Amino acid sequence: MTLYEQWRDLIENQTDASFKDFWTEYSEAETKIYSDLLDNPGEKISAPLKELADKYQVRPVIFMGFLDGINSSLRKGNDFENYGEDSQVELDIDLEKLYYNMLAADADYLYGLPQWEKLLSEEKRQEIVKAYKKSKTVVKGEKIGRNDPCPCGSGKKYKKCCGR
């Protein structure tokens, strides 16, 4: 079983009794890893997965969860689904995309880290927040009038076709 499969299995098989301990372990690990990465923003990470898990003092399966979460914020995504403990991990993080994805994940404990103040200006962070909020806004289409042609393409008036 790959680490990714172990990670998916760990998430999907949480019970009410185990969820709190799991979430505490994962969120503390995630905060620790992100804090370190944001302290060294230009540094590209390249090391075996097991070595990085040991560096951050987390279980390899928890580090795989971190990789699963950060993958969409990397300049070049990885196929983490086939990774094992000896697989080489390459992280080249797009900070703006990472901040946006943290907003989308509603991870205030991550997008509220103090390191962001040095990495992205207040204006840039507000711009990203605005773009995120705009992406969630639902825009209604134009209303179809009773006597307009039906949008289904039948050639009939809306009131005689789909508007019935």
Protein backbone atom coordinates (compact mmCIF):
# COMPACT_ATOMS: atom_id res chain seq x y z
CA MET A 1 0.00 0.00 0.00
CA THR A 2 1.46 3.38 -1.01
CA LEU A 3 1.74 6.25 1.46
CA TYR A 4 -0.99 8.09 -0.43
CA GLU A 5 -3.32 5.10 -0.04
CA GLN A 6 -2.44 4.97 3.66
CA TRP A 7 -3.24 8.69 3.92
CA ARG A 8 -6.62 8.28 2.18
CA ASP A 9 -7.36 5.27 4.40
CA LEU A 10 -6.45 7.27 7.52
CA ILE A 11 -8.79 10.12 6.55
CA GLU A 12 -11.70 7.96 5.49
CA ASN A 13 -11.65 5.71 8.54
CA GLN A 14 -11.77 8.36 11.25
CA THR A 15 -14.31 7.78 13.99
CA ASP A 16 -15.81 10.32 16.34
CA ALA A 17 -13.40 9.05 19.01
CA SER A 18 -10.25 9.25 16.86
CA PHE A 19 -10.99 12.41 14.84
CA LYS A 20 -9.95 14.96 17.48
CA ASP A 21 -6.54 13.34 18.08
CA PHE A 22 -5.97 12.93 14.34
CA TRP A 23 -6.90 16.54 13.56
CA THR A 24 -4.71 17.85 16.39
CA GLU A 25 -1.73 15.84 15.12
CA TYR A 26 -2.28 16.87 11.50
CA SER A 27 -2.94 20.58 12.06
CA GLU A 28 0.04 20.95 14.41
CA ALA A 29 2.29 19.22 11.86
CA GLU A 30 0.91 21.32 9.02
CA THR A 31 1.41 24.56 10.96
CA LYS A 32 4.99 23.58 11.86
CA ILE A 33 5.87 22.67 8.27
CA TYR A 34 4.28 25.78 6.72
CA SER A 35 5.92 28.04 9.32
CA ASP A 36 9.34 26.67 8.38
CA LEU A 37 8.67 26.86 4.63
CA LEU A 38 7.42 30.45 4.90
CA ASP A 39 10.48 31.40 6.98
CA ASN A 40 12.62 30.30 3.98
CA PRO A 41 10.42 31.34 1.03
CA GLY A 42 12.88 31.17 -1.89
CA GLU A 43 14.29 27.79 -0.92
CA LYS A 44 13.38 24.89 -3.17
CA ILE A 45 12.91 21.69 -1.20
CA SER A 46 14.39 18.50 -2.63
CA ALA A 47 14.84 15.50 -0.37
CA PRO A 48 13.47 12.00 0.23
CA LEU A 49 10.02 11.99 1.83
CA LYS A 50 11.22 10.07 4.92
CA GLU A 51 14.01 12.61 5.48
CA LEU A 52 11.54 15.52 5.35
CA ALA A 53 9.11 13.73 7.67
CA ASP A 54 11.96 13.18 10.16
CA LYS A 55 13.06 16.82 9.83
CA TYR A 56 9.58 18.02 10.83
CA GLN A 57 9.12 15.22 13.38
CA VAL A 58 5.95 13.83 11.81
CA ARG A 59 4.91 10.39 10.67
CA PRO A 60 5.49 9.79 6.94
CA VAL A 61 1.74 9.29 6.38
CA ILE A 62 1.03 12.70 7.94
CA PHE A 63 3.71 14.28 5.75
CA MET A 64 2.00 12.66 2.76
CA GLY A 65 -1.19 14.44 3.84
CA PHE A 66 0.71 17.71 3.84
CA LEU A 67 2.02 16.95 0.32
CA ASP A 68 -1.49 16.11 -0.84
CA GLY A 69 -2.66 19.49 0.43
CA ILE A 70 0.17 21.60 -0.97
CA ASN A 71 0.31 19.94 -4.40
CA SER A 72 -2.10 22.41 -6.02
CA SER A 73 0.07 25.30 -4.78
CA LEU A 74 3.26 24.11 -6.45
CA ARG A 75 4.61 25.56 -9.69
CA LYS A 76 4.96 21.98 -10.92
CA GLY A 77 2.60 19.42 -9.41
CA ASN A 78 3.75 15.95 -8.40
CA ASP A 79 2.25 12.49 -8.72
CA PHE A 80 2.24 11.85 -4.98
CA GLU A 81 -0.14 8.91 -5.39
CA ASN A 82 2.79 6.59 -6.16
CA TYR A 83 5.24 7.93 -3.58
CA GLY A 84 6.90 5.83 -0.91
CA GLU A 85 9.14 6.84 1.98
CA ASP A 86 12.22 6.83 -0.30
CA SER A 87 10.64 8.94 -3.06
CA GLN A 88 12.32 12.24 -3.87
CA VAL A 89 10.08 15.21 -2.99
CA GLU A 90 10.50 18.46 -4.93
CA LEU A 91 8.65 21.54 -3.66
CA ASP A 92 8.69 24.81 -5.59
CA ILE A 93 5.89 26.81 -3.99
CA ASP A 94 3.91 29.58 -5.70
CA LEU A 95 3.22 31.79 -2.66
CA GLU A 96 0.24 33.65 -4.12
CA LYS A 97 -1.42 30.39 -5.15
CA LEU A 98 -0.67 28.95 -1.70
CA TYR A 99 -2.30 31.91 0.07
CA TYR A 100 -5.35 31.62 -2.20
CA ASN A 101 -5.64 27.88 -1.56
CA MET A 102 -5.36 28.43 2.20
CA LEU A 103 -8.30 30.83 1.94
CA ALA A 104 -10.24 28.27 -0.10
CA ALA A 105 -9.53 25.60 2.53
CA ASP A 106 -10.77 28.00 5.23
CA ALA A 107 -7.50 27.37 7.06
CA ASP A 108 -7.29 30.57 9.11
CA TYR A 109 -4.57 29.01 11.27
CA LEU A 110 -2.42 28.92 8.08
CA TYR A 111 -3.29 32.08 6.17
CA GLY A 112 -3.07 33.94 9.48
CA LEU A 113 0.58 32.96 10.06
CA PRO A 114 2.72 36.04 10.79
CA GLN A 115 5.22 35.13 8.03
CA TRP A 116 2.70 36.22 5.40
CA GLU A 117 3.19 39.86 6.45
CA LYS A 118 6.80 39.72 5.21
CA LEU A 119 6.08 37.64 2.09
CA LEU A 120 3.05 39.38 0.61
CA SER A 121 2.15 43.03 1.07
CA GLU A 122 -1.15 43.91 2.72
CA GLU A 123 -2.41 45.12 -0.67
CA LYS A 124 -1.46 41.85 -2.37
CA ARG A 125 -3.12 39.76 0.35
CA GLN A 126 -6.29 41.88 0.06
CA GLU A 127 -6.20 41.45 -3.72
CA ILE A 128 -6.00 37.66 -3.31
CA VAL A 129 -8.84 37.70 -0.75
CA LYS A 130 -10.93 39.77 -3.17
CA ALA A 131 -10.22 37.33 -6.03
CA TYR A 132 -11.16 34.41 -3.77
CA LYS A 133 -14.44 36.01 -2.71
CA LYS A 134 -15.23 36.91 -6.32
CA SER A 135 -14.70 33.27 -7.34
CA LYS A 136 -17.41 32.23 -4.87
CA THR A 137 -19.97 34.76 -6.14
CA VAL A 138 -22.77 33.21 -8.14
CA VAL A 139 -23.93 35.31 -11.09
CA LYS A 140 -27.39 34.62 -12.45
CA GLY A 141 -27.82 34.38 -16.17
CA GLU A 142 -30.11 36.65 -18.14
CA LYS A 143 -33.79 36.06 -17.48
CA ILE A 144 -35.72 34.61 -20.38
CA GLY A 145 -38.90 36.48 -21.29
CA ARG A 146 -42.12 34.61 -22.07
CA ASN A 147 -42.08 35.69 -25.71
CA ASP A 148 -38.33 35.15 -26.30
CA PRO A 149 -37.16 32.23 -28.43
CA CYS A 150 -36.68 29.11 -26.30
CA PRO A 151 -32.99 28.52 -25.39
CA CYS A 152 -33.37 24.80 -26.18
CA GLY A 153 -33.24 25.67 -29.88
CA SER A 154 -36.69 24.39 -30.85
CA GLY A 155 -37.61 27.65 -32.59
CA LYS A 156 -40.74 28.01 -30.46
CA LYS A 157 -41.42 30.80 -28.02
CA TYR A 158 -40.30 30.03 -24.48
CA LYS A 159 -43.90 30.14 -23.18
CA LYS A 160 -44.96 27.42 -25.65
CA CYS A 161 -41.91 25.19 -25.08
CA CYS A 162 -39.78 24.84 -21.94
CA GLY A 163 -41.60 27.61 -20.07
CA ARG A 164 -44.78 25.56 -19.69
